[in-house]
Amino acid sequence: MIDYFYYTTAYGGKILGEEEFFRLKGRAQRYVSGLMRPSSRRSWCEAARFAACAAAEALHAQEQRQSGRAIQSETVGRHSVSYSQAQAAEGLYAAAARWLEPAGLLYQGIL
C-alpha cells in the first residue's frame, strides 16, 4: 500500500526516518483501513495512502508526547501513574479523517 519512497515523494513526508516509517506503517495502515467504508478497503486510492502516511506521523507524535501526556490519576505509595489517552486518539483520528472524509472514504456507520 505505502512504502518509504511513496511517503517521502508523493506525500512529501519529512518527519519520519526510514526505520521509524517501517515500524509504524503497519499500524497506520490497519488504523486507516478500520476507518474506511467497507466497500473501499480493497483498493487504496491516493487519499487512503495519504491518510496512512498522516496516521504514521500521528503515531510517531503520540510516541514523542508519551512522557508529557496529561496525568489522569497518580498514587504516591508504590508510585502508580495513569495518563489520559483521549487527546492522542483524537489527533490520530483527525490526521487520517482529514484525507478520508473529503474523498468519501470515511465510514460513519451508515451505508
N, C-alpha and C. Protein backbone atom coordinates (compact mmCIF):
# COMPACT_ATOMS: atom_id res chain seq x y z
N MET A 1 0.81 -1.18 0.00
CA MET A 1 0.00 0.00 0.00
C MET A 1 0.86 1.26 0.00
N ILE A 2 1.70 1.43 1.03
CA ILE A 2 2.62 2.57 1.03
C ILE A 2 4.01 2.07 1.39
N ASP A 3 5.01 2.74 0.87
CA ASP A 3 6.39 2.46 1.23
C ASP A 3 7.10 3.79 1.51
N TYR A 4 8.33 3.70 1.93
CA TYR A 4 9.04 4.91 2.32
C TYR A 4 9.24 5.87 1.15
N PHE A 5 9.48 5.34 -0.03
CA PHE A 5 9.63 6.18 -1.21
C PHE A 5 8.35 6.97 -1.46
N TYR A 6 7.21 6.31 -1.36
CA TYR A 6 5.92 6.99 -1.53
C TYR A 6 5.75 8.07 -0.45
N TYR A 7 6.07 7.71 0.79
CA TYR A 7 5.94 8.65 1.90
C TYR A 7 6.75 9.93 1.65
N THR A 8 7.99 9.78 1.20
CA THR A 8 8.85 10.95 1.05
C THR A 8 8.61 11.72 -0.25
N THR A 9 8.16 11.04 -1.31
CA THR A 9 7.98 11.74 -2.59
C THR A 9 6.55 12.21 -2.79
N ALA A 10 5.61 11.29 -2.91
CA ALA A 10 4.21 11.66 -3.20
C ALA A 10 3.60 12.44 -2.04
N TYR A 11 3.75 11.92 -0.82
CA TYR A 11 3.17 12.59 0.35
C TYR A 11 4.03 13.78 0.79
N GLY A 12 5.31 13.72 0.52
CA GLY A 12 6.22 14.80 0.92
C GLY A 12 6.61 14.74 2.38
N GLY A 13 6.56 13.54 2.96
CA GLY A 13 6.88 13.37 4.38
C GLY A 13 8.34 13.60 4.69
N LYS A 14 8.57 14.33 5.79
CA LYS A 14 9.94 14.62 6.23
C LYS A 14 10.13 14.32 7.71
N ILE A 15 9.06 13.97 8.39
CA ILE A 15 9.13 13.78 9.83
C ILE A 15 9.76 12.44 10.22
N LEU A 16 9.41 11.39 9.49
CA LEU A 16 9.85 10.04 9.84
C LEU A 16 11.08 9.62 9.06
N GLY A 17 12.02 9.02 9.77
CA GLY A 17 13.13 8.38 9.10
C GLY A 17 12.66 7.03 8.55
N GLU A 18 13.46 6.41 7.72
CA GLU A 18 13.05 5.16 7.08
C GLU A 18 12.74 4.07 8.11
N GLU A 19 13.56 3.94 9.11
CA GLU A 19 13.35 2.91 10.13
C GLU A 19 12.05 3.16 10.91
N GLU A 20 11.82 4.40 11.32
CA GLU A 20 10.59 4.75 12.04
C GLU A 20 9.36 4.49 11.17
N PHE A 21 9.47 4.86 9.89
CA PHE A 21 8.34 4.68 8.98
C PHE A 21 7.96 3.20 8.89
N PHE A 22 8.94 2.34 8.67
CA PHE A 22 8.63 0.92 8.52
C PHE A 22 8.09 0.32 9.81
N ARG A 23 8.51 0.84 10.95
CA ARG A 23 8.00 0.35 12.22
C ARG A 23 6.53 0.74 12.42
N LEU A 24 6.14 1.91 11.95
CA LEU A 24 4.79 2.44 12.20
C LEU A 24 3.80 2.21 11.07
N LYS A 25 4.26 1.92 9.87
CA LYS A 25 3.35 1.88 8.72
C LYS A 25 2.27 0.81 8.83
N GLY A 26 2.59 -0.35 9.37
CA GLY A 26 1.58 -1.41 9.50
C GLY A 26 0.44 -0.99 10.41
N ARG A 27 0.77 -0.41 11.55
CA ARG A 27 -0.28 0.08 12.46
C ARG A 27 -1.09 1.18 11.82
N ALA A 28 -0.43 2.08 11.10
CA ALA A 28 -1.12 3.19 10.45
C ALA A 28 -2.08 2.67 9.37
N GLN A 29 -1.62 1.73 8.57
CA GLN A 29 -2.47 1.18 7.50
C GLN A 29 -3.67 0.44 8.08
N ARG A 30 -3.47 -0.31 9.15
CA ARG A 30 -4.60 -1.01 9.79
C ARG A 30 -5.58 -0.02 10.38
N TYR A 31 -5.08 1.03 10.99
CA TYR A 31 -5.96 2.04 11.57
C TYR A 31 -6.80 2.70 10.49
N VAL A 32 -6.18 3.10 9.41
CA VAL A 32 -6.90 3.75 8.31
C VAL A 32 -7.90 2.80 7.69
N SER A 33 -7.52 1.56 7.52
CA SER A 33 -8.44 0.57 6.96
C SER A 33 -9.69 0.43 7.82
N GLY A 34 -9.52 0.51 9.14
CA GLY A 34 -10.65 0.45 10.05
C GLY A 34 -11.57 1.65 9.97
N LEU A 35 -11.06 2.78 9.51
CA LEU A 35 -11.87 3.98 9.38
C LEU A 35 -12.60 4.05 8.03
N MET A 36 -12.15 3.25 7.08
CA MET A 36 -12.69 3.34 5.72
C MET A 36 -14.00 2.59 5.56
N ARG A 37 -14.79 3.05 4.60
CA ARG A 37 -16.02 2.34 4.24
C ARG A 37 -15.64 0.93 3.83
N PRO A 38 -16.41 -0.08 4.24
CA PRO A 38 -16.07 -1.46 3.89
C PRO A 38 -15.89 -1.69 2.39
N SER A 39 -16.67 -1.04 1.57
CA SER A 39 -16.58 -1.23 0.13
C SER A 39 -15.30 -0.67 -0.48
N SER A 40 -14.62 0.24 0.21
CA SER A 40 -13.42 0.86 -0.35
C SER A 40 -12.13 0.32 0.25
N ARG A 41 -12.20 -0.68 1.11
CA ARG A 41 -11.00 -1.20 1.78
C ARG A 41 -10.11 -2.02 0.86
N ARG A 42 -10.65 -2.56 -0.21
CA ARG A 42 -9.86 -3.43 -1.08
C ARG A 42 -8.87 -2.69 -1.96
N SER A 43 -9.27 -1.57 -2.49
CA SER A 43 -8.35 -0.82 -3.35
C SER A 43 -8.09 0.56 -2.73
N TRP A 44 -6.85 0.78 -2.41
CA TRP A 44 -6.48 2.02 -1.76
C TRP A 44 -6.17 3.09 -2.80
N CYS A 45 -6.92 4.17 -2.76
CA CYS A 45 -6.68 5.30 -3.66
C CYS A 45 -5.66 6.23 -3.01
N GLU A 46 -5.35 7.30 -3.69
CA GLU A 46 -4.38 8.28 -3.20
C GLU A 46 -4.77 8.83 -1.83
N ALA A 47 -6.04 9.15 -1.62
CA ALA A 47 -6.49 9.71 -0.34
C ALA A 47 -6.24 8.74 0.81
N ALA A 48 -6.47 7.47 0.58
CA ALA A 48 -6.25 6.46 1.63
C ALA A 48 -4.77 6.32 1.93
N ARG A 49 -3.94 6.36 0.91
CA ARG A 49 -2.49 6.26 1.13
C ARG A 49 -1.98 7.50 1.88
N PHE A 50 -2.49 8.68 1.52
CA PHE A 50 -2.12 9.89 2.25
C PHE A 50 -2.57 9.81 3.70
N ALA A 51 -3.77 9.26 3.93
CA ALA A 51 -4.28 9.10 5.29
C ALA A 51 -3.36 8.19 6.10
N ALA A 52 -2.85 7.13 5.49
CA ALA A 52 -1.94 6.22 6.18
C ALA A 52 -0.63 6.91 6.51
N CYS A 53 -0.13 7.74 5.62
CA CYS A 53 1.10 8.50 5.89
C CYS A 53 0.88 9.47 7.05
N ALA A 54 -0.26 10.16 7.03
CA ALA A 54 -0.59 11.10 8.11
C ALA A 54 -0.75 10.36 9.43
N ALA A 55 -1.37 9.18 9.39
CA ALA A 55 -1.56 8.38 10.61
C ALA A 55 -0.21 7.92 11.16
N ALA A 56 0.72 7.54 10.29
CA ALA A 56 2.05 7.13 10.75
C ALA A 56 2.74 8.29 11.46
N GLU A 57 2.61 9.49 10.91
CA GLU A 57 3.20 10.66 11.56
C GLU A 57 2.52 10.95 12.89
N ALA A 58 1.19 10.76 12.95
CA ALA A 58 0.46 10.99 14.20
C ALA A 58 0.86 9.96 15.26
N LEU A 59 1.06 8.71 14.85
CA LEU A 59 1.52 7.69 15.79
C LEU A 59 2.91 8.05 16.33
N HIS A 60 3.75 8.55 15.46
CA HIS A 60 5.09 8.99 15.88
C HIS A 60 4.97 10.14 16.89
N ALA A 61 4.08 11.08 16.61
CA ALA A 61 3.88 12.21 17.53
C ALA A 61 3.36 11.73 18.88
N GLN A 62 2.48 10.73 18.85
CA GLN A 62 1.98 10.15 20.11
C GLN A 62 3.13 9.61 20.94
N GLU A 63 4.01 8.87 20.28
CA GLU A 63 5.16 8.30 20.99
C GLU A 63 6.05 9.39 21.57
N GLN A 64 6.23 10.46 20.82
CA GLN A 64 7.07 11.56 21.30
C GLN A 64 6.47 12.28 22.49
N ARG A 65 5.13 12.36 22.52
CA ARG A 65 4.44 13.06 23.61
C ARG A 65 4.18 12.16 24.82
N GLN A 66 4.41 10.87 24.71
CA GLN A 66 4.02 9.95 25.77
C GLN A 66 4.48 10.37 27.15
N SER A 67 5.67 10.84 27.25
CA SER A 67 6.15 11.22 28.57
C SER A 67 5.51 12.53 29.05
N GLY A 68 4.90 13.29 28.13
CA GLY A 68 4.29 14.55 28.51
C GLY A 68 2.78 14.53 28.52
N ARG A 69 2.16 13.34 28.44
CA ARG A 69 0.69 13.26 28.44
C ARG A 69 0.11 13.76 29.75
N ALA A 70 -1.15 14.15 29.72
CA ALA A 70 -1.85 14.63 30.90
C ALA A 70 -2.04 13.48 31.89
N ILE A 71 -1.71 13.73 33.13
CA ILE A 71 -1.89 12.72 34.16
C ILE A 71 -3.35 12.66 34.54
N GLN A 72 -3.92 11.46 34.46
CA GLN A 72 -5.33 11.26 34.80
C GLN A 72 -5.47 10.93 36.28
N SER A 73 -4.56 10.10 36.81
CA SER A 73 -4.55 9.79 38.23
C SER A 73 -3.14 9.41 38.64
N GLU A 74 -2.83 9.60 39.92
CA GLU A 74 -1.50 9.27 40.41
C GLU A 74 -1.60 8.78 41.85
N THR A 75 -0.88 7.71 42.16
CA THR A 75 -0.83 7.16 43.51
C THR A 75 0.60 7.29 44.00
N VAL A 76 0.81 7.82 45.18
CA VAL A 76 2.16 8.04 45.67
C VAL A 76 2.75 6.75 46.25
N GLY A 77 2.03 6.03 47.10
CA GLY A 77 2.51 4.76 47.65
C GLY A 77 2.63 3.72 46.55
N ARG A 78 3.81 3.21 46.30
CA ARG A 78 4.15 2.30 45.20
C ARG A 78 4.08 2.98 43.83
N HIS A 79 4.00 4.28 43.81
CA HIS A 79 4.05 5.15 42.64
C HIS A 79 3.37 4.57 41.40
N SER A 80 2.09 4.80 41.25
CA SER A 80 1.31 4.39 40.09
C SER A 80 0.77 5.64 39.39
N VAL A 81 0.99 5.78 38.10
CA VAL A 81 0.54 6.94 37.34
C VAL A 81 -0.28 6.46 36.14
N SER A 82 -1.42 7.11 35.89
CA SER A 82 -2.24 6.82 34.71
C SER A 82 -2.33 8.07 33.87
N TYR A 83 -2.14 7.91 32.57
CA TYR A 83 -2.17 9.04 31.65
C TYR A 83 -3.43 9.00 30.79
N SER A 84 -3.88 10.16 30.38
CA SER A 84 -5.05 10.27 29.53
C SER A 84 -4.68 9.96 28.08
N GLN A 85 -5.45 9.08 27.43
CA GLN A 85 -5.21 8.71 26.04
C GLN A 85 -6.11 9.48 25.08
N ALA A 86 -7.09 10.19 25.59
CA ALA A 86 -8.10 10.83 24.74
C ALA A 86 -7.50 11.79 23.73
N GLN A 87 -6.62 12.66 24.16
CA GLN A 87 -6.04 13.64 23.25
C GLN A 87 -5.23 12.97 22.14
N ALA A 88 -4.47 11.95 22.47
CA ALA A 88 -3.67 11.25 21.47
C ALA A 88 -4.55 10.55 20.45
N ALA A 89 -5.63 9.93 20.90
CA ALA A 89 -6.54 9.25 19.99
C ALA A 89 -7.23 10.23 19.05
N GLU A 90 -7.61 11.40 19.56
CA GLU A 90 -8.24 12.41 18.73
C GLU A 90 -7.30 12.90 17.64
N GLY A 91 -6.03 13.07 17.96
CA GLY A 91 -5.05 13.52 16.98
C GLY A 91 -4.85 12.51 15.86
N LEU A 92 -4.84 11.24 16.20
CA LEU A 92 -4.69 10.18 15.21
C LEU A 92 -5.89 10.14 14.28
N TYR A 93 -7.09 10.22 14.86
CA TYR A 93 -8.31 10.21 14.04
C TYR A 93 -8.34 11.41 13.11
N ALA A 94 -8.03 12.59 13.62
CA ALA A 94 -8.07 13.81 12.81
C ALA A 94 -7.08 13.74 11.66
N ALA A 95 -5.89 13.18 11.91
CA ALA A 95 -4.87 13.08 10.87
C ALA A 95 -5.36 12.23 9.70
N ALA A 96 -6.00 11.11 10.00
CA ALA A 96 -6.48 10.21 8.94
C ALA A 96 -7.77 10.72 8.31
N ALA A 97 -8.69 11.19 9.13
CA ALA A 97 -10.00 11.62 8.63
C ALA A 97 -9.89 12.82 7.70
N ARG A 98 -8.88 13.63 7.89
CA ARG A 98 -8.73 14.82 7.03
C ARG A 98 -8.54 14.44 5.57
N TRP A 99 -8.01 13.25 5.30
CA TRP A 99 -7.83 12.77 3.93
C TRP A 99 -8.99 11.89 3.48
N LEU A 100 -9.53 11.09 4.39
CA LEU A 100 -10.59 10.14 4.01
C LEU A 100 -11.94 10.81 3.79
N GLU A 101 -12.28 11.76 4.64
CA GLU A 101 -13.62 12.35 4.58
C GLU A 101 -13.91 13.08 3.26
N PRO A 102 -13.03 13.95 2.78
CA PRO A 102 -13.33 14.63 1.51
C PRO A 102 -13.43 13.67 0.32
N ALA A 103 -12.76 12.52 0.42
CA ALA A 103 -12.79 11.54 -0.68
C ALA A 103 -14.00 10.61 -0.57
N GLY A 104 -14.81 10.77 0.48
CA GLY A 104 -15.97 9.91 0.67
C GLY A 104 -15.61 8.52 1.15
N LEU A 105 -14.44 8.36 1.75
CA LEU A 105 -13.98 7.05 2.20
C LEU A 105 -14.19 6.82 3.70
N LEU A 106 -14.49 7.86 4.44
CA LEU A 106 -14.63 7.75 5.89
C LEU A 106 -15.95 7.06 6.24
N TYR A 107 -15.85 5.92 6.90
CA TYR A 107 -17.03 5.16 7.30
C TYR A 107 -17.66 5.84 8.51
N GLN A 108 -18.95 6.15 8.41
CA GLN A 108 -19.65 6.81 9.51
C GLN A 108 -20.75 5.95 10.07
N GLY A 109 -20.72 4.67 9.78
CA GLY A 109 -21.68 3.74 10.36
C GLY A 109 -22.96 3.56 9.57
N ILE A 110 -23.10 4.29 8.48
CA ILE A 110 -24.33 4.17 7.68
C ILE A 110 -23.92 3.94 6.23
N LEU A 111 -24.45 2.91 5.64
CA LEU A 111 -24.13 2.64 4.23
C LEU A 111 -25.34 2.88 3.36
